[in-house]
Every structure is written in structure tokens, then in C-alpha cells.
């Protein structure tokens, strides 16, 4: 009886860790989204950059202000970065990908902008969710 309980507990714990483990394919898919965002940014293409975000009124961006919704986030980016000079060149350094389930991942990293007159940098936490088989950003906290 004791062995049966231990075996059942072992199976339960194993299933939890399996559900939260990411496949190399998932990690690569998220990295691809981030790489595509960097490429789009460096080409001064905010519309393409925004394809990494879930196109929904539910997304949340927290920076200097809180912005809710895809359209509002797009408008904020376009207002804050009106031209290639303002956008500069972007680079990410990913510190950690933490899969909280097979459908969600917290990504922590640093961003670096190189511009003519300054070089802003900071940190970010992104919540990616898998929507219809595609990894998209649902929540972005950048400071």
C-alpha cells in the first residue's frame, strides 16, 4: 500500500514537471519571434515589430505608462519612435526563458538601443502565450 501511494505521488509529480517543460521547438519559436522583432525594429518597421504581440484588446504594456490593447500599443510605439533616427538599432540579451506551462513562458531579458545621441537600455519581462500554435506576447513590462 505504501509503495502504491509513493508510486502514485511520483507519477503525479512527474506529470507536473512534464507539463512545464519546454521543447527545443518551443524555445526556438519564441527566440524566432524575438529575432524577428529585432530585425523589424532595426529596419524601422514598427508594424512588422508588432506582429510579435497578440492582436487583442487584452494585451498589456507597462513602461513609463500603462497601455492596454494592441492598437493602443502600436500608436504609442509610433508616437514615441516617429522615425528611424528615434528608433536606433535594437539588440536583446535574453537572460531566462521560464516555461510555466506548455502554453506560456516568461521571458526576462535586457534591451539595448544604439542611437546617434544616446544609448538607452533596460530590462524587460514578457509573457508569451501559445495562441493557435503560435507564440505571441500577451504582456510586456519594460523599464
Foldseek 3Di string as FASTA:
>chain_A
DVVVVVVVVVVVVVVQVVFQDEDPVVVVQLVVLVVQLQVCLLVVNLVSNLVQADQFQQAWEAEVHIDGGSVRVSVVVCVQQVDNQSSAHKDKDWDDWGRNGHFKIKTKIKMWGDHDPDIDIWIKIFIWGQDPNHTHTRYIYID
